[in-house]
Amino acid sequence: MKFISLITMIMSTAVLSGIVTAQDPNNKPCTQYETYGCATLQGYNNGNPYLYYCSELYFVEVEKKCSCPTC
């Protein structure tokens, strides 16, 4: 029984870690308001960069997703 519980716990952890890596940068905090920037975030846009705007309330708003790693 302990072996089955251990396997279940490991599988649950693996599934949850997959969920955590899929992130959306919208509404995340940023530091320089009313500016544009380019960034990458693991698990978002297939690892490709995206253009964002830092709003006057210091939150990220994604403007455009790039379709390749060097755009």
PDB file of N, CA and C in Angstrom:
ATOM      1  N   MET A   1       0.806  -1.188   0.000  1.00  0.00           N
ATOM      2  CA  MET A   1       0.000   0.000   0.000  1.00  0.00           C
ATOM      3  C   MET A   1       0.857   1.264   0.000  1.00  0.00           C
ATOM      4  N   LYS A   2       1.955   1.230   0.761  1.00  0.00           N
ATOM      5  CA  LYS A   2       2.817   2.412   0.806  1.00  0.00           C
ATOM      6  C   LYS A   2       3.412   2.693  -0.564  1.00  0.00           C
ATOM      7  N   PHE A   3       3.721   1.647  -1.309  1.00  0.00           N
ATOM      8  CA  PHE A   3       4.307   1.812  -2.638  1.00  0.00           C
ATOM      9  C   PHE A   3       3.324   2.515  -3.576  1.00  0.00           C
ATOM     10  N   ILE A   4       2.059   2.131  -3.547  1.00  0.00           N
ATOM     11  CA  ILE A   4       1.040   2.749  -4.393  1.00  0.00           C
ATOM     12  C   ILE A   4       0.848   4.214  -4.000  1.00  0.00           C
ATOM     13  N   SER A   5       0.848   4.522  -2.726  1.00  0.00           N
ATOM     14  CA  SER A   5       0.696   5.895  -2.260  1.00  0.00           C
ATOM     15  C   SER A   5       1.861   6.756  -2.733  1.00  0.00           C
ATOM     16  N   LEU A   6       3.059   6.212  -2.687  1.00  0.00           N
ATOM     17  CA  LEU A   6       4.238   6.944  -3.123  1.00  0.00           C
ATOM     18  C   LEU A   6       4.160   7.242  -4.620  1.00  0.00           C
ATOM     19  N   ILE A   7       3.766   6.261  -5.410  1.00  0.00           N
ATOM     20  CA  ILE A   7       3.637   6.464  -6.857  1.00  0.00           C
ATOM     21  C   ILE A   7       2.575   7.517  -7.154  1.00  0.00           C
ATOM     22  N   THR A   8       1.445   7.453  -6.465  1.00  0.00           N
ATOM     23  CA  THR A   8       0.373   8.432  -6.656  1.00  0.00           C
ATOM     24  C   THR A   8       0.861   9.833  -6.320  1.00  0.00           C
ATOM     25  N   MET A   9       1.615   9.976  -5.254  1.00  0.00           N
ATOM     26  CA  MET A   9       2.126  11.276  -4.849  1.00  0.00           C
ATOM     27  C   MET A   9       3.118  11.816  -5.877  1.00  0.00           C
ATOM     28  N   ILE A  10       3.985  10.984  -6.402  1.00  0.00           N
ATOM     29  CA  ILE A  10       4.962  11.410  -7.403  1.00  0.00           C
ATOM     30  C   ILE A  10       4.258  11.836  -8.684  1.00  0.00           C
ATOM     31  N   MET A  11       3.265  11.070  -9.108  1.00  0.00           N
ATOM     32  CA  MET A  11       2.530  11.418 -10.321  1.00  0.00           C
ATOM     33  C   MET A  11       1.763  12.729 -10.146  1.00  0.00           C
ATOM     34  N   SER A  12       1.172  12.944  -8.985  1.00  0.00           N
ATOM     35  CA  SER A  12       0.443  14.184  -8.714  1.00  0.00           C
ATOM     36  C   SER A  12       1.381  15.381  -8.750  1.00  0.00           C
ATOM     37  N   THR A  13       2.552  15.235  -8.193  1.00  0.00           N
ATOM     38  CA  THR A  13       3.541  16.310  -8.200  1.00  0.00           C
ATOM     39  C   THR A  13       3.978  16.633  -9.621  1.00  0.00           C
ATOM     40  N   ALA A  14       4.183  15.623 -10.441  1.00  0.00           N
ATOM     41  CA  ALA A  14       4.593  15.845 -11.827  1.00  0.00           C
ATOM     42  C   ALA A  14       3.513  16.585 -12.600  1.00  0.00           C
ATOM     43  N   VAL A  15       2.269  16.239 -12.391  1.00  0.00           N
ATOM     44  CA  VAL A  15       1.166  16.915 -13.077  1.00  0.00           C
ATOM     45  C   VAL A  15       1.063  18.357 -12.624  1.00  0.00           C
ATOM     46  N   LEU A  16       1.166  18.608 -11.327  1.00  0.00           N
ATOM     47  CA  LEU A  16       1.086  19.970 -10.819  1.00  0.00           C
ATOM     48  C   LEU A  16       2.248  20.832 -11.281  1.00  0.00           C
ATOM     49  N   SER A  17       3.433  20.280 -11.386  1.00  0.00           N
ATOM     50  CA  SER A  17       4.565  21.070 -11.856  1.00  0.00           C
ATOM     51  C   SER A  17       4.378  21.449 -13.316  1.00  0.00           C
ATOM     52  N   GLY A  18       3.720  20.630 -14.095  1.00  0.00           N
ATOM     53  CA  GLY A  18       3.414  20.979 -15.481  1.00  0.00           C
ATOM     54  C   GLY A  18       2.423  22.115 -15.568  1.00  0.00           C
ATOM     55  N   ILE A  19       1.486  22.157 -14.642  1.00  0.00           N
ATOM     56  CA  ILE A  19       0.513  23.241 -14.621  1.00  0.00           C
ATOM     57  C   ILE A  19       1.175  24.555 -14.237  1.00  0.00           C
ATOM     58  N   VAL A  20       2.069  24.514 -13.293  1.00  0.00           N
ATOM     59  CA  VAL A  20       2.719  25.725 -12.807  1.00  0.00           C
ATOM     60  C   VAL A  20       3.583  26.372 -13.878  1.00  0.00           C
ATOM     61  N   THR A  21       4.221  25.609 -14.747  1.00  0.00           N
ATOM     62  CA  THR A  21       5.119  26.191 -15.733  1.00  0.00           C
ATOM     63  C   THR A  21       4.380  26.908 -16.858  1.00  0.00           C
ATOM     64  N   ALA A  22       3.102  26.626 -17.070  1.00  0.00           N
ATOM     65  CA  ALA A  22       2.331  27.324 -18.092  1.00  0.00           C
ATOM     66  C   ALA A  22       1.841  28.634 -17.484  1.00  0.00           C
ATOM     67  N   GLN A  23       2.548  29.731 -17.773  1.00  0.00           N
ATOM     68  CA  GLN A  23       2.244  31.011 -17.149  1.00  0.00           C
ATOM     69  C   GLN A  23       1.777  32.020 -18.183  1.00  0.00           C
ATOM     70  N   ASP A  24       1.005  32.976 -17.734  1.00  0.00           N
ATOM     71  CA  ASP A  24       0.550  34.086 -18.558  1.00  0.00           C
ATOM     72  C   ASP A  24       1.071  35.366 -17.911  1.00  0.00           C
ATOM     73  N   PRO A  25       1.859  36.170 -18.626  1.00  0.00           N
ATOM     74  CA  PRO A  25       2.443  37.356 -18.015  1.00  0.00           C
ATOM     75  C   PRO A  25       1.464  38.516 -17.827  1.00  0.00           C
ATOM     76  N   ASN A  26       0.279  38.445 -18.442  1.00  0.00           N
ATOM     77  CA  ASN A  26      -0.680  39.543 -18.283  1.00  0.00           C
ATOM     78  C   ASN A  26      -1.007  39.768 -16.813  1.00  0.00           C
ATOM     79  N   ASN A  27      -1.071  41.039 -16.449  1.00  0.00           N
ATOM     80  CA  ASN A  27      -1.397  41.487 -15.086  1.00  0.00           C
ATOM     81  C   ASN A  27      -0.337  41.145 -14.053  1.00  0.00           C
ATOM     82  N   LYS A  28       0.858  40.776 -14.490  1.00  0.00           N
ATOM     83  CA  LYS A  28       1.980  40.608 -13.558  1.00  0.00           C
ATOM     84  C   LYS A  28       2.555  42.002 -13.291  1.00  0.00           C
ATOM     85  N   PRO A  29       3.155  42.215 -12.146  1.00  0.00           N
ATOM     86  CA  PRO A  29       3.722  43.537 -11.860  1.00  0.00           C
ATOM     87  C   PRO A  29       4.947  43.848 -12.713  1.00  0.00           C
ATOM     88  N   CYS A  30       5.133  45.128 -13.020  1.00  0.00           N
ATOM     89  CA  CYS A  30       6.330  45.596 -13.733  1.00  0.00           C
ATOM     90  C   CYS A  30       6.832  46.856 -13.034  1.00  0.00           C
ATOM     91  N   THR A  31       8.040  47.295 -13.383  1.00  0.00           N
ATOM     92  CA  THR A  31       8.680  48.356 -12.601  1.00  0.00           C
ATOM     93  C   THR A  31       8.693  49.730 -13.264  1.00  0.00           C
ATOM     94  N   GLN A  32       8.673  49.807 -14.584  1.00  0.00           N
ATOM     95  CA  GLN A  32       8.752  51.107 -15.254  1.00  0.00           C
ATOM     96  C   GLN A  32       7.465  51.350 -16.031  1.00  0.00           C
ATOM     97  N   TYR A  33       6.564  52.116 -15.452  1.00  0.00           N
ATOM     98  CA  TYR A  33       5.263  52.310 -16.068  1.00  0.00           C
ATOM     99  C   TYR A  33       5.353  53.138 -17.353  1.00  0.00           C
ATOM    100  N   GLU A  34       4.370  52.917 -18.202  1.00  0.00           N
ATOM    101  CA  GLU A  34       4.241  53.567 -19.507  1.00  0.00           C
ATOM    102  C   GLU A  34       5.476  53.350 -20.392  1.00  0.00           C
ATOM    103  N   THR A  35       6.031  52.147 -20.345  1.00  0.00           N
ATOM    104  CA  THR A  35       7.141  51.780 -21.221  1.00  0.00           C
ATOM    105  C   THR A  35       6.835  50.441 -21.881  1.00  0.00           C
ATOM    106  N   TYR A  36       7.496  50.202 -23.022  1.00  0.00           N
ATOM    107  CA  TYR A  36       7.399  48.924 -23.722  1.00  0.00           C
ATOM    108  C   TYR A  36       8.637  48.106 -23.420  1.00  0.00           C
ATOM    109  N   GLY A  37       8.505  46.815 -23.500  1.00  0.00           N
ATOM    110  CA  GLY A  37       9.633  45.934 -23.296  1.00  0.00           C
ATOM    111  C   GLY A  37       9.448  44.637 -24.052  1.00  0.00           C
ATOM    112  N   CYS A  38      10.511  43.876 -24.138  1.00  0.00           N
ATOM    113  CA  CYS A  38      10.485  42.571 -24.777  1.00  0.00           C
ATOM    114  C   CYS A  38      10.996  41.569 -23.745  1.00  0.00           C
ATOM    115  N   ALA A  39      10.306  40.450 -23.626  1.00  0.00           N
ATOM    116  CA  ALA A  39      10.691  39.473 -22.607  1.00  0.00           C
ATOM    117  C   ALA A  39      10.338  38.071 -23.069  1.00  0.00           C
ATOM    118  N   THR A  40      10.862  37.096 -22.357  1.00  0.00           N
ATOM    119  CA  THR A  40      10.481  35.700 -22.546  1.00  0.00           C
ATOM    120  C   THR A  40      10.093  35.146 -21.187  1.00  0.00           C
ATOM    121  N   LEU A  41       9.237  34.154 -21.211  1.00  0.00           N
ATOM    122  CA  LEU A  41       8.789  33.511 -19.993  1.00  0.00           C
ATOM    123  C   LEU A  41       8.631  32.036 -20.287  1.00  0.00           C
ATOM    124  N   GLN A  42       9.332  31.214 -19.508  1.00  0.00           N
ATOM    125  CA  GLN A  42       9.274  29.769 -19.724  1.00  0.00           C
ATOM    126  C   GLN A  42       7.831  29.292 -19.612  1.00  0.00           C
ATOM    127  N   GLY A  43       7.390  28.542 -20.595  1.00  0.00           N
ATOM    128  CA  GLY A  43       6.043  28.008 -20.590  1.00  0.00           C
ATOM    129  C   GLY A  43       5.012  28.922 -21.224  1.00  0.00           C
ATOM    130  N   TYR A  44       5.436  30.074 -21.739  1.00  0.00           N
ATOM    131  CA  TYR A  44       4.514  31.002 -22.391  1.00  0.00           C
ATOM    132  C   TYR A  44       4.984  31.259 -23.816  1.00  0.00           C
ATOM    133  N   ASN A  45       4.093  31.194 -24.757  1.00  0.00           N
ATOM    134  CA  ASN A  45       4.389  31.462 -26.171  1.00  0.00           C
ATOM    135  C   ASN A  45       5.488  30.539 -26.704  1.00  0.00           C
ATOM    136  N   ASN A  46       5.501  29.315 -26.283  1.00  0.00           N
ATOM    137  CA  ASN A  46       6.495  28.319 -26.705  1.00  0.00           C
ATOM    138  C   ASN A  46       7.931  28.781 -26.453  1.00  0.00           C
ATOM    139  N   GLY A  47       8.131  29.618 -25.455  1.00  0.00           N
ATOM    140  CA  GLY A  47       9.465  30.113 -25.119  1.00  0.00           C
ATOM    141  C   GLY A  47       9.934  31.256 -25.997  1.00  0.00           C
ATOM    142  N   ASN A  48       9.101  31.679 -26.943  1.00  0.00           N
ATOM    143  CA  ASN A  48       9.449  32.806 -27.818  1.00  0.00           C
ATOM    144  C   ASN A  48       9.199  34.127 -27.096  1.00  0.00           C
ATOM    145  N   PRO A  49       9.870  35.196 -27.529  1.00  0.00           N
ATOM    146  CA  PRO A  49       9.672  36.487 -26.868  1.00  0.00           C
ATOM    147  C   PRO A  49       8.283  37.065 -27.132  1.00  0.00           C
ATOM    148  N   TYR A  50       7.939  38.049 -26.340  1.00  0.00           N
ATOM    149  CA  TYR A  50       6.692  38.787 -26.530  1.00  0.00           C
ATOM    150  C   TYR A  50       6.938  40.252 -26.197  1.00  0.00           C
ATOM    151  N   LEU A  51       6.184  41.119 -26.855  1.00  0.00           N
ATOM    152  CA  LEU A  51       6.258  42.553 -26.614  1.00  0.00           C
ATOM    153  C   LEU A  51       5.195  42.896 -25.585  1.00  0.00           C
ATOM    154  N   TYR A  52       5.580  43.665 -24.569  1.00  0.00           N
ATOM    155  CA  TYR A  52       4.610  44.033 -23.545  1.00  0.00           C
ATOM    156  C   TYR A  52       4.663  45.526 -23.270  1.00  0.00           C
ATOM    157  N   TYR A  53       3.607  46.012 -22.658  1.00  0.00           N
ATOM    158  CA  TYR A  53       3.506  47.402 -22.232  1.00  0.00           C
ATOM    159  C   TYR A  53       3.287  47.407 -20.726  1.00  0.00           C
ATOM    160  N   CYS A  54       4.019  48.240 -20.022  1.00  0.00           N
ATOM    161  CA  CYS A  54       3.846  48.380 -18.575  1.00  0.00           C
ATOM    162  C   CYS A  54       2.879  49.543 -18.347  1.00  0.00           C
ATOM    163  N   SER A  55       1.693  49.227 -17.877  1.00  0.00           N
ATOM    164  CA  SER A  55       0.638  50.235 -17.741  1.00  0.00           C
ATOM    165  C   SER A  55       0.948  51.208 -16.607  1.00  0.00           C
ATOM    166  N   GLU A  56       0.161  52.256 -16.540  1.00  0.00           N
ATOM    167  CA  GLU A  56       0.364  53.257 -15.488  1.00  0.00           C
ATOM    168  C   GLU A  56       0.067  52.700 -14.098  1.00  0.00           C
ATOM    169  N   LEU A  57      -0.591  51.559 -14.042  1.00  0.00           N
ATOM    170  CA  LEU A  57      -0.839  50.893 -12.768  1.00  0.00           C
ATOM    171  C   LEU A  57       0.215  49.832 -12.460  1.00  0.00           C
ATOM    172  N   TYR A  58       1.316  49.830 -13.259  1.00  0.00           N
ATOM    173  CA  TYR A  58       2.444  48.912 -13.067  1.00  0.00           C
ATOM    174  C   TYR A  58       2.063  47.446 -13.277  1.00  0.00           C
ATOM    175  N   PHE A  59       1.263  47.180 -14.305  1.00  0.00           N
ATOM    176  CA  PHE A  59       0.923  45.812 -14.675  1.00  0.00           C
ATOM    177  C   PHE A  59       1.291  45.557 -16.127  1.00  0.00           C
ATOM    178  N   VAL A  60       1.757  44.340 -16.424  1.00  0.00           N
ATOM    179  CA  VAL A  60       2.140  43.939 -17.779  1.00  0.00           C
ATOM    180  C   VAL A  60       0.884  43.706 -18.614  1.00  0.00           C
ATOM    181  N   GLU A  61       0.908  44.243 -19.833  1.00  0.00           N
ATOM    182  CA  GLU A  61      -0.123  43.979 -20.828  1.00  0.00           C
ATOM    183  C   GLU A  61       0.585  43.498 -22.092  1.00  0.00           C
ATOM    184  N   VAL A  62       0.396  42.241 -22.459  1.00  0.00           N
ATOM    185  CA  VAL A  62       1.049  41.695 -23.641  1.00  0.00           C
ATOM    186  C   VAL A  62       0.452  42.350 -24.880  1.00  0.00           C
ATOM    187  N   GLU A  63       1.307  42.921 -25.729  1.00  0.00           N
ATOM    188  CA  GLU A  63       0.877  43.584 -26.947  1.00  0.00           C
ATOM    189  C   GLU A  63       0.963  42.674 -28.157  1.00  0.00           C
ATOM    190  N   LYS A  64       2.055  41.903 -28.255  1.00  0.00           N
ATOM    191  CA  LYS A  64       2.257  41.036 -29.416  1.00  0.00           C
ATOM    192  C   LYS A  64       3.135  39.865 -29.027  1.00  0.00           C
ATOM    193  N   LYS A  65       2.772  38.680 -29.523  1.00  0.00           N
ATOM    194  CA  LYS A  65       3.582  37.487 -29.328  1.00  0.00           C
ATOM    195  C   LYS A  65       4.434  37.278 -30.579  1.00  0.00           C
ATOM    196  N   CYS A  66       5.729  37.093 -30.396  1.00  0.00           N
ATOM    197  CA  CYS A  66       6.609  36.816 -31.521  1.00  0.00           C
ATOM    198  C   CYS A  66       6.505  35.334 -31.895  1.00  0.00           C
ATOM    199  N   SER A  67       6.656  35.047 -33.179  1.00  0.00           N
ATOM    200  CA  SER A  67       6.459  33.678 -33.642  1.00  0.00           C
ATOM    201  C   SER A  67       7.763  32.888 -33.774  1.00  0.00           C
ATOM    202  N   CYS A  68       8.905  33.520 -33.482  1.00  0.00           N
ATOM    203  CA  CYS A  68      10.180  32.806 -33.545  1.00  0.00           C
ATOM    204  C   CYS A  68      11.103  33.335 -32.457  1.00  0.00           C
ATOM    205  N   PRO A  69      12.170  32.606 -32.108  1.00  0.00           N
ATOM    206  CA  PRO A  69      13.042  33.029 -31.005  1.00  0.00           C
ATOM    207  C   PRO A  69      13.853  34.286 -31.266  1.00  0.00           C
ATOM    208  N   THR A  70      14.021  34.680 -32.533  1.00  0.00           N
ATOM    209  CA  THR A  70      14.879  35.833 -32.835  1.00  0.00           C
ATOM    210  C   THR A  70      14.119  36.997 -33.459  1.00  0.00           C
ATOM    211  N   CYS A  71      12.826  37.043 -33.362  1.00  0.00           N
ATOM    212  CA  CYS A  71      12.041  38.127 -33.962  1.00  0.00           C
ATOM    213  C   CYS A  71      12.352  39.462 -33.295  1.00  0.00           C
TER     214      CYS A  71
END
